[in-house]
């Protein structure tokens, strides 16, 4: 099972599962289509948008773990 952390590049995280983009959008992180997603980490994006990424990363990891059952 893949596990996401705050130091991962957004574009790499998005490749792990199609529903991750929806999680990021709902959380207020519109970086999915942004050129910065190719070089920006989840933490950097969270800081830039004033978001605490801990809960968002937890939700992504929950999605990924439920898919591997």
PDB file of N, CA and C in Angstrom:
ATOM      1  N   UNK A   1       0.836  -1.186   0.000  1.00  0.00           N
ATOM      2  CA  UNK A   1       0.000   0.000   0.000  1.00  0.00           C
ATOM      3  C   UNK A   1       0.879   1.247   0.000  1.00  0.00           C
ATOM      4  N   UNK A   2       0.551   2.182  -0.847  1.00  0.00           N
ATOM      5  CA  UNK A   2       1.234   3.464  -0.860  1.00  0.00           C
ATOM      6  C   UNK A   2       0.801   4.266   0.358  1.00  0.00           C
ATOM      7  N   UNK A   3       1.707   5.060   0.898  1.00  0.00           N
ATOM      8  CA  UNK A   3       1.392   5.924   2.028  1.00  0.00           C
ATOM      9  C   UNK A   3       1.914   7.316   1.710  1.00  0.00           C
ATOM     10  N   UNK A   4       1.028   8.284   1.851  1.00  0.00           N
ATOM     11  CA  UNK A   4       1.339   9.674   1.511  1.00  0.00           C
ATOM     12  C   UNK A   4       1.882  10.389   2.747  1.00  0.00           C
ATOM     13  N   UNK A   5       2.843  11.305   2.516  1.00  0.00           N
ATOM     14  CA  UNK A   5       3.337  12.152   3.597  1.00  0.00           C
ATOM     15  C   UNK A   5       3.465  13.580   3.095  1.00  0.00           C
ATOM     16  N   UNK A   6       3.688  14.500   3.997  1.00  0.00           N
ATOM     17  CA  UNK A   6       3.688  15.934   3.686  1.00  0.00           C
ATOM     18  C   UNK A   6       4.807  16.356   2.738  1.00  0.00           C
ATOM     19  N   UNK A   7       5.835  15.548   2.613  1.00  0.00           N
ATOM     20  CA  UNK A   7       6.977  15.899   1.773  1.00  0.00           C
ATOM     21  C   UNK A   7       6.850  15.426   0.330  1.00  0.00           C
ATOM     22  N   UNK A   8       5.724  14.822  -0.002  1.00  0.00           N
ATOM     23  CA  UNK A   8       5.531  14.307  -1.366  1.00  0.00           C
ATOM     24  C   UNK A   8       5.050  15.416  -2.303  1.00  0.00           C
ATOM     25  N   UNK A   9       5.489  15.337  -3.547  1.00  0.00           N
ATOM     26  CA  UNK A   9       5.083  16.282  -4.587  1.00  0.00           C
ATOM     27  C   UNK A   9       3.620  16.009  -4.956  1.00  0.00           C
ATOM     28  N   UNK A  10       2.850  17.075  -5.085  1.00  0.00           N
ATOM     29  CA  UNK A  10       1.420  16.952  -5.362  1.00  0.00           C
ATOM     30  C   UNK A  10       1.155  16.082  -6.588  1.00  0.00           C
ATOM     31  N   UNK A  11       1.870  16.305  -7.670  1.00  0.00           N
ATOM     32  CA  UNK A  11       1.649  15.540  -8.903  1.00  0.00           C
ATOM     33  C   UNK A  11       1.860  14.043  -8.674  1.00  0.00           C
ATOM     34  N   UNK A  12       2.830  13.689  -7.840  1.00  0.00           N
ATOM     35  CA  UNK A  12       3.084  12.276  -7.541  1.00  0.00           C
ATOM     36  C   UNK A  12       1.945  11.676  -6.726  1.00  0.00           C
ATOM     37  N   UNK A  13       1.426  12.449  -5.789  1.00  0.00           N
ATOM     38  CA  UNK A  13       0.312  11.993  -4.955  1.00  0.00           C
ATOM     39  C   UNK A  13      -0.927  11.767  -5.822  1.00  0.00           C
ATOM     40  N   UNK A  14      -1.178  12.665  -6.750  1.00  0.00           N
ATOM     41  CA  UNK A  14      -2.357  12.558  -7.612  1.00  0.00           C
ATOM     42  C   UNK A  14      -2.343  11.291  -8.465  1.00  0.00           C
ATOM     43  N   UNK A  15      -1.176  10.780  -8.770  1.00  0.00           N
ATOM     44  CA  UNK A  15      -1.057   9.570  -9.593  1.00  0.00           C
ATOM     45  C   UNK A  15      -1.462   8.305  -8.839  1.00  0.00           C
ATOM     46  N   UNK A  16      -1.550   8.391  -7.524  1.00  0.00           N
ATOM     47  CA  UNK A  16      -1.813   7.201  -6.716  1.00  0.00           C
ATOM     48  C   UNK A  16      -3.260   6.723  -6.786  1.00  0.00           C
ATOM     49  N   UNK A  17      -4.206   7.668  -6.982  1.00  0.00           N
ATOM     50  CA  UNK A  17      -5.634   7.290  -7.009  1.00  0.00           C
ATOM     51  C   UNK A  17      -6.431   8.447  -7.622  1.00  0.00           C
ATOM     52  N   UNK A  18      -7.403   8.118  -8.436  1.00  0.00           N
ATOM     53  CA  UNK A  18      -8.211   9.147  -9.114  1.00  0.00           C
ATOM     54  C   UNK A  18      -8.981  10.041  -8.142  1.00  0.00           C
ATOM     55  N   UNK A  19      -9.383   9.524  -6.992  1.00  0.00           N
ATOM     56  CA  UNK A  19     -10.200  10.296  -6.050  1.00  0.00           C
ATOM     57  C   UNK A  19      -9.416  11.279  -5.196  1.00  0.00           C
ATOM     58  N   UNK A  20      -8.105  11.246  -5.263  1.00  0.00           N
ATOM     59  CA  UNK A  20      -7.296  12.160  -4.457  1.00  0.00           C
ATOM     60  C   UNK A  20      -7.530  13.603  -4.877  1.00  0.00           C
ATOM     61  N   UNK A  21      -7.727  13.862  -6.152  1.00  0.00           N
ATOM     62  CA  UNK A  21      -7.991  15.227  -6.613  1.00  0.00           C
ATOM     63  C   UNK A  21      -9.231  15.799  -5.928  1.00  0.00           C
ATOM     64  N   UNK A  22     -10.266  14.986  -5.770  1.00  0.00           N
ATOM     65  CA  UNK A  22     -11.494  15.445  -5.110  1.00  0.00           C
ATOM     66  C   UNK A  22     -11.243  15.780  -3.647  1.00  0.00           C
ATOM     67  N   UNK A  23     -10.442  14.990  -2.978  1.00  0.00           N
ATOM     68  CA  UNK A  23     -10.108  15.258  -1.571  1.00  0.00           C
ATOM     69  C   UNK A  23      -9.405  16.606  -1.462  1.00  0.00           C
ATOM     70  N   UNK A  24      -8.446  16.844  -2.345  1.00  0.00           N
ATOM     71  CA  UNK A  24      -7.710  18.110  -2.307  1.00  0.00           C
ATOM     72  C   UNK A  24      -8.613  19.298  -2.620  1.00  0.00           C
ATOM     73  N   UNK A  25      -9.475  19.166  -3.618  1.00  0.00           N
ATOM     74  CA  UNK A  25     -10.419  20.241  -3.962  1.00  0.00           C
ATOM     75  C   UNK A  25     -11.337  20.561  -2.789  1.00  0.00           C
ATOM     76  N   UNK A  26     -11.919  19.528  -2.182  1.00  0.00           N
ATOM     77  CA  UNK A  26     -12.831  19.722  -1.045  1.00  0.00           C
ATOM     78  C   UNK A  26     -12.145  20.423   0.118  1.00  0.00           C
ATOM     79  N   UNK A  27     -10.875  20.146   0.287  1.00  0.00           N
ATOM     80  CA  UNK A  27     -10.119  20.730   1.392  1.00  0.00           C
ATOM     81  C   UNK A  27      -9.730  22.182   1.124  1.00  0.00           C
ATOM     82  N   UNK A  28      -9.940  22.639  -0.101  1.00  0.00           N
ATOM     83  CA  UNK A  28      -9.575  24.015  -0.443  1.00  0.00           C
ATOM     84  C   UNK A  28      -8.213  24.141  -1.079  1.00  0.00           C
ATOM     85  N   UNK A  29      -7.762  23.067  -1.679  1.00  0.00           N
ATOM     86  CA  UNK A  29      -6.450  23.057  -2.327  1.00  0.00           C
ATOM     87  C   UNK A  29      -6.640  22.871  -3.832  1.00  0.00           C
ATOM     88  N   UNK A  30      -6.743  23.979  -4.570  1.00  0.00           N
ATOM     89  CA  UNK A  30      -6.998  23.901  -6.008  1.00  0.00           C
ATOM     90  C   UNK A  30      -5.745  23.659  -6.848  1.00  0.00           C
ATOM     91  N   UNK A  31      -4.693  23.194  -6.225  1.00  0.00           N
ATOM     92  CA  UNK A  31      -3.398  23.040  -6.898  1.00  0.00           C
ATOM     93  C   UNK A  31      -3.351  21.917  -7.916  1.00  0.00           C
ATOM     94  N   UNK A  32      -4.413  21.158  -8.009  1.00  0.00           N
ATOM     95  CA  UNK A  32      -4.427  19.976  -8.863  1.00  0.00           C
ATOM     96  C   UNK A  32      -4.022  20.297 -10.295  1.00  0.00           C
ATOM     97  N   UNK A  33      -4.536  21.349 -10.868  1.00  0.00           N
ATOM     98  CA  UNK A  33      -4.219  21.699 -12.245  1.00  0.00           C
ATOM     99  C   UNK A  33      -3.149  22.760 -12.377  1.00  0.00           C
ATOM    100  N   UNK A  34      -2.599  23.177 -11.290  1.00  0.00           N
ATOM    101  CA  UNK A  34      -1.608  24.253 -11.269  1.00  0.00           C
ATOM    102  C   UNK A  34      -0.234  23.733 -11.685  1.00  0.00           C
ATOM    103  N   UNK A  35       0.529  24.511 -12.433  1.00  0.00           N
ATOM    104  CA  UNK A  35       1.883  24.081 -12.800  1.00  0.00           C
ATOM    105  C   UNK A  35       2.760  23.816 -11.573  1.00  0.00           C
ATOM    106  N   UNK A  36       2.467  24.497 -10.468  1.00  0.00           N
ATOM    107  CA  UNK A  36       3.226  24.300  -9.243  1.00  0.00           C
ATOM    108  C   UNK A  36       3.096  22.900  -8.681  1.00  0.00           C
ATOM    109  N   UNK A  37       2.042  22.191  -9.053  1.00  0.00           N
ATOM    110  CA  UNK A  37       1.818  20.833  -8.555  1.00  0.00           C
ATOM    111  C   UNK A  37       2.937  19.888  -8.981  1.00  0.00           C
ATOM    112  N   UNK A  38       3.677  20.259 -10.006  1.00  0.00           N
ATOM    113  CA  UNK A  38       4.772  19.418 -10.490  1.00  0.00           C
ATOM    114  C   UNK A  38       6.015  19.518  -9.606  1.00  0.00           C
ATOM    115  N   UNK A  39       6.089  20.550  -8.768  1.00  0.00           N
ATOM    116  CA  UNK A  39       7.292  20.739  -7.956  1.00  0.00           C
ATOM    117  C   UNK A  39       7.008  21.066  -6.489  1.00  0.00           C
ATOM    118  N   UNK A  40       5.752  21.288  -6.153  1.00  0.00           N
ATOM    119  CA  UNK A  40       5.392  21.699  -4.801  1.00  0.00           C
ATOM    120  C   UNK A  40       4.946  20.495  -3.960  1.00  0.00           C
ATOM    121  N   UNK A  41       5.384  20.461  -2.709  1.00  0.00           N
ATOM    122  CA  UNK A  41       4.977  19.377  -1.819  1.00  0.00           C
ATOM    123  C   UNK A  41       3.601  19.686  -1.230  1.00  0.00           C
ATOM    124  N   UNK A  42       2.995  18.661  -0.641  1.00  0.00           N
ATOM    125  CA  UNK A  42       1.713  18.864   0.032  1.00  0.00           C
ATOM    126  C   UNK A  42       1.855  19.899   1.140  1.00  0.00           C
ATOM    127  N   UNK A  43       2.942  19.835   1.883  1.00  0.00           N
ATOM    128  CA  UNK A  43       3.151  20.792   2.968  1.00  0.00           C
ATOM    129  C   UNK A  43       3.283  22.223   2.438  1.00  0.00           C
ATOM    130  N   UNK A  44       4.060  22.404   1.384  1.00  0.00           N
ATOM    131  CA  UNK A  44       4.229  23.740   0.805  1.00  0.00           C
ATOM    132  C   UNK A  44       2.904  24.298   0.319  1.00  0.00           C
ATOM    133  N   UNK A  45       2.096  23.460  -0.309  1.00  0.00           N
ATOM    134  CA  UNK A  45       0.788  23.897  -0.791  1.00  0.00           C
ATOM    135  C   UNK A  45      -0.117  24.253   0.382  1.00  0.00           C
ATOM    136  N   UNK A  46      -0.069  23.450   1.437  1.00  0.00           N
ATOM    137  CA  UNK A  46      -0.877  23.722   2.618  1.00  0.00           C
ATOM    138  C   UNK A  46      -0.517  25.048   3.252  1.00  0.00           C
ATOM    139  N   UNK A  47       0.767  25.311   3.380  1.00  0.00           N
ATOM    140  CA  UNK A  47       1.222  26.584   3.945  1.00  0.00           C
ATOM    141  C   UNK A  47       0.768  27.735   3.054  1.00  0.00           C
ATOM    142  N   UNK A  48       0.913  27.579   1.755  1.00  0.00           N
ATOM    143  CA  UNK A  48       0.537  28.625   0.810  1.00  0.00           C
ATOM    144  C   UNK A  48      -0.958  28.938   0.817  1.00  0.00           C
ATOM    145  N   UNK A  49      -1.764  27.955   1.196  1.00  0.00           N
ATOM    146  CA  UNK A  49      -3.218  28.141   1.213  1.00  0.00           C
ATOM    147  C   UNK A  49      -3.781  28.218   2.629  1.00  0.00           C
ATOM    148  N   UNK A  50      -2.890  28.257   3.615  1.00  0.00           N
ATOM    149  CA  UNK A  50      -3.315  28.378   4.999  1.00  0.00           C
ATOM    150  C   UNK A  50      -4.060  27.162   5.524  1.00  0.00           C
ATOM    151  N   UNK A  51      -3.662  25.967   5.082  1.00  0.00           N
ATOM    152  CA  UNK A  51      -4.339  24.731   5.484  1.00  0.00           C
ATOM    153  C   UNK A  51      -3.429  23.860   6.339  1.00  0.00           C
ATOM    154  N   UNK A  52      -4.044  23.165   7.290  1.00  0.00           N
ATOM    155  CA  UNK A  52      -3.334  22.156   8.064  1.00  0.00           C
ATOM    156  C   UNK A  52      -3.468  20.854   7.290  1.00  0.00           C
ATOM    157  N   UNK A  53      -2.388  20.367   6.764  1.00  0.00           N
ATOM    158  CA  UNK A  53      -2.428  19.208   5.864  1.00  0.00           C
ATOM    159  C   UNK A  53      -2.557  17.873   6.576  1.00  0.00           C
ATOM    160  N   UNK A  54      -2.394  17.843   7.884  1.00  0.00           N
ATOM    161  CA  UNK A  54      -2.422  16.575   8.614  1.00  0.00           C
ATOM    162  C   UNK A  54      -3.711  15.784   8.366  1.00  0.00           C
ATOM    163  N   UNK A  55      -4.850  16.430   8.511  1.00  0.00           N
ATOM    164  CA  UNK A  55      -6.135  15.760   8.311  1.00  0.00           C
ATOM    165  C   UNK A  55      -6.363  15.367   6.858  1.00  0.00           C
ATOM    166  N   UNK A  56      -5.904  16.189   5.952  1.00  0.00           N
ATOM    167  CA  UNK A  56      -6.054  15.910   4.526  1.00  0.00           C
ATOM    168  C   UNK A  56      -5.219  14.686   4.143  1.00  0.00           C
ATOM    169  N   UNK A  57      -4.004  14.640   4.642  1.00  0.00           N
ATOM    170  CA  UNK A  57      -3.132  13.504   4.370  1.00  0.00           C
ATOM    171  C   UNK A  57      -3.713  12.236   4.992  1.00  0.00           C
ATOM    172  N   UNK A  58      -4.285  12.360   6.174  1.00  0.00           N
ATOM    173  CA  UNK A  58      -4.942  11.218   6.812  1.00  0.00           C
ATOM    174  C   UNK A  58      -6.071  10.672   5.936  1.00  0.00           C
ATOM    175  N   UNK A  59      -6.878  11.597   5.391  1.00  0.00           N
ATOM    176  CA  UNK A  59      -7.993  11.179   4.526  1.00  0.00           C
ATOM    177  C   UNK A  59      -7.486  10.469   3.273  1.00  0.00           C
ATOM    178  N   UNK A  60      -6.423  10.990   2.684  1.00  0.00           N
ATOM    179  CA  UNK A  60      -5.842  10.362   1.493  1.00  0.00           C
ATOM    180  C   UNK A  60      -5.330   8.961   1.843  1.00  0.00           C
ATOM    181  N   UNK A  61      -4.636   8.839   2.966  1.00  0.00           N
ATOM    182  CA  UNK A  61      -4.105   7.535   3.356  1.00  0.00           C
ATOM    183  C   UNK A  61      -5.208   6.545   3.690  1.00  0.00           C
ATOM    184  N   UNK A  62      -6.304   7.036   4.248  1.00  0.00           N
ATOM    185  CA  UNK A  62      -7.453   6.173   4.512  1.00  0.00           C
ATOM    186  C   UNK A  62      -8.029   5.635   3.198  1.00  0.00           C
ATOM    187  N   UNK A  63      -8.153   6.516   2.209  1.00  0.00           N
ATOM    188  CA  UNK A  63      -8.620   6.101   0.882  1.00  0.00           C
ATOM    189  C   UNK A  63      -7.696   5.029   0.310  1.00  0.00           C
ATOM    190  N   UNK A  64      -6.404   5.271   0.367  1.00  0.00           N
ATOM    191  CA  UNK A  64      -5.442   4.330  -0.201  1.00  0.00           C
ATOM    192  C   UNK A  64      -5.454   2.996   0.533  1.00  0.00           C
ATOM    193  N   UNK A  65      -5.609   3.039   1.842  1.00  0.00           N
ATOM    194  CA  UNK A  65      -5.625   1.778   2.600  1.00  0.00           C
ATOM    195  C   UNK A  65      -6.896   0.997   2.359  1.00  0.00           C
ATOM    196  N   UNK A  66      -8.008   1.690   2.131  1.00  0.00           N
ATOM    197  CA  UNK A  66      -9.272   0.987   1.876  1.00  0.00           C
ATOM    198  C   UNK A  66      -9.261   0.334   0.494  1.00  0.00           C
ATOM    199  N   UNK A  67      -8.499   0.867  -0.418  1.00  0.00           N
ATOM    200  CA  UNK A  67      -8.398   0.305  -1.764  1.00  0.00           C
ATOM    201  C   UNK A  67      -7.541  -0.954  -1.790  1.00  0.00           C
ATOM    202  N   UNK A  68      -6.669  -1.119  -0.806  1.00  0.00           N
ATOM    203  CA  UNK A  68      -5.765  -2.273  -0.835  1.00  0.00           C
ATOM    204  C   UNK A  68      -6.294  -3.459  -0.044  1.00  0.00           C
ATOM    205  N   UNK A  69      -7.514  -3.340   0.465  1.00  0.00           N
ATOM    206  CA  UNK A  69      -8.107  -4.435   1.248  1.00  0.00           C
ATOM    207  C   UNK A  69      -8.636  -5.506   0.336  1.00  0.00           C
TER     208      UNK A  69
END
